[in-house]
Protein backbone atom coordinates (compact mmCIF):
# COMPACT_ATOMS: atom_id res chain seq x y z
CA MET A 1 -102.17 77.28 -34.90
CA VAL A 2 -98.60 77.32 -36.20
CA LEU A 3 -96.40 74.52 -34.92
CA ALA A 4 -92.90 75.42 -33.82
CA CYS A 5 -90.01 73.25 -34.94
CA LEU A 6 -86.92 72.34 -33.02
CA ALA A 7 -84.18 74.48 -34.50
CA VAL A 8 -82.05 71.50 -35.45
CA ALA A 9 -84.86 69.85 -37.38
CA CYS A 10 -85.97 72.71 -39.57
CA SER A 11 -83.78 72.28 -42.59
CA PRO A 12 -84.28 69.37 -44.95
CA ALA A 13 -81.20 67.21 -45.26
CA VAL A 14 -80.05 63.67 -45.55
CA VAL A 15 -78.05 62.48 -42.57
CA PRO A 16 -75.35 59.92 -43.36
CA PRO A 17 -75.60 56.48 -41.74
CA ALA A 18 -73.97 55.72 -38.44
CA PRO A 19 -70.62 53.95 -38.63
CA GLY A 20 -70.98 50.23 -39.17
CA LEU A 21 -74.42 50.39 -40.80
CA ALA A 22 -75.04 49.75 -44.46
CA ALA A 23 -74.55 52.82 -46.62
CA THR A 24 -78.13 52.36 -47.78
CA CYS A 25 -79.50 53.56 -44.43
CA ARG A 26 -80.36 57.24 -44.76
CA HIS A 27 -83.42 58.97 -43.44
CA GLU A 28 -84.33 62.28 -44.99
CA LEU A 29 -85.21 64.90 -42.45
CA PRO A 30 -88.69 66.36 -42.86
CA ALA A 31 -89.33 69.80 -44.26
CA PRO A 32 -89.92 72.36 -41.53
CA CYS A 33 -93.26 71.30 -40.11
CA ALA A 34 -94.69 70.79 -43.57
CA SER A 35 -97.61 68.88 -42.10
CA ASN A 36 -99.21 68.26 -38.75
CA ALA A 37 -97.10 66.34 -36.29
CA PRO A 38 -98.03 62.69 -35.87
CA SER A 39 -100.13 61.89 -32.82
CA PHE A 40 -97.94 60.63 -29.99
CA ALA A 41 -100.55 58.20 -28.67
CA GLU A 42 -101.78 56.90 -32.02
CA GLU A 43 -98.67 56.90 -34.20
CA VAL A 44 -95.46 57.43 -32.23
CA GLN A 45 -95.98 55.36 -29.10
CA PRO A 46 -96.80 52.15 -31.02
CA ILE A 47 -93.51 52.43 -32.94
CA LEU A 48 -91.59 53.07 -29.74
CA ALA A 49 -93.31 50.13 -28.04
CA LYS A 50 -92.48 47.82 -30.95
CA ARG A 51 -88.93 48.99 -31.65
CA CYS A 52 -87.53 50.77 -28.57
CA PHE A 53 -89.14 49.85 -25.25
CA ARG A 54 -87.27 46.54 -24.87
CA CYS A 55 -84.01 48.46 -24.34
CA HIS A 56 -85.28 51.87 -23.18
CA THR A 57 -87.62 50.91 -20.31
CA GLY A 58 -87.40 48.99 -17.06
CA ASP A 59 -84.16 47.04 -16.77
CA GLY A 60 -83.32 47.49 -20.45
CA PRO A 61 -79.65 48.12 -21.25
CA ALA A 62 -80.30 51.71 -22.43
CA ALA A 63 -82.97 52.72 -19.91
CA GLY A 64 -80.48 54.51 -17.69
CA GLU A 65 -79.40 56.93 -20.40
CA HIS A 66 -82.64 57.28 -22.35
CA ASP A 67 -85.62 56.13 -20.28
CA PHE A 68 -88.81 55.89 -22.33
CA SER A 69 -90.98 54.55 -19.48
CA LYS A 70 -92.99 57.79 -19.23
CA SER A 71 -94.24 59.80 -22.17
CA GLU A 72 -92.98 63.05 -20.62
CA ARG A 73 -89.45 61.64 -20.65
CA VAL A 74 -89.76 60.66 -24.29
CA ILE A 75 -90.96 64.15 -25.18
CA GLY A 76 -88.02 65.66 -23.33
CA GLN A 77 -85.65 63.55 -25.41
CA ARG A 78 -87.04 64.42 -28.85
CA GLY A 79 -83.79 66.00 -30.01
CA ALA A 80 -81.74 62.94 -29.11
CA ILE A 81 -84.33 60.63 -30.66
CA ARG A 82 -84.23 62.68 -33.86
CA GLU A 83 -80.45 62.46 -34.10
CA GLU A 84 -80.34 58.73 -33.38
CA ILE A 85 -83.07 57.92 -35.91
CA ALA A 86 -81.77 60.23 -38.64
CA SER A 87 -78.25 58.85 -38.36
CA CYS A 88 -79.55 55.26 -38.36
CA ALA A 89 -77.84 54.66 -35.01
CA MET A 90 -81.09 53.46 -33.45
CA PRO A 91 -82.29 50.86 -33.31
CA PRO A 92 -78.80 49.40 -33.56
CA LYS A 93 -79.53 45.94 -34.96
CA GLU A 94 -82.26 46.66 -37.47
CA PRO A 95 -82.82 50.18 -38.83
CA LEU A 96 -86.34 51.50 -38.87
CA ALA A 97 -88.36 51.18 -42.03
CA GLU A 98 -88.72 54.51 -43.81
CA PRO A 99 -92.39 55.02 -42.77
CA GLU A 100 -91.52 54.40 -39.10
CA ALA A 101 -88.48 56.69 -39.27
CA ASN A 102 -90.45 59.40 -41.06
CA THR A 103 -93.19 59.31 -38.39
CA LEU A 104 -90.68 59.64 -35.56
CA LEU A 105 -88.68 62.35 -37.32
CA ARG A 106 -91.79 64.42 -38.11
CA TRP A 107 -92.97 64.07 -34.52
CA ALA A 108 -89.56 65.04 -33.08
CA ALA A 109 -89.35 68.07 -35.35
CA CYS A 110 -92.86 69.42 -35.10
CA ALA A 111 -94.82 68.18 -32.11
CA PRO A 112 -95.45 70.83 -29.44
CA GLY A 113 -96.13 68.09 -26.87
CA LEU A 114 -98.48 65.18 -26.32
CA ARG A 115 -101.53 65.07 -28.58
């Protein structure tokens, strides 16, 4: 089965850091679906729970705009997640480690849905 990529995620590039973050924060976008997408349940959700849920669920300050309380909502926001991670805008106080960012970026680019 061939995985389809989101159009915006299919060209490798380095996205510059968000304003105010150290110039060392750059996450390289993955090659167009060069490998299988990470498992949402096993790889993506634990990162989101650790790094994102505090603000993006329940009464969190960003839950109104980007609510991650249901996996279907997270999947629907893959493009926004990709842009925020690649630009180092999220999480705002402590950028993701490269392995975490790479997992989320590969998932956002290549996952057809929940796996």
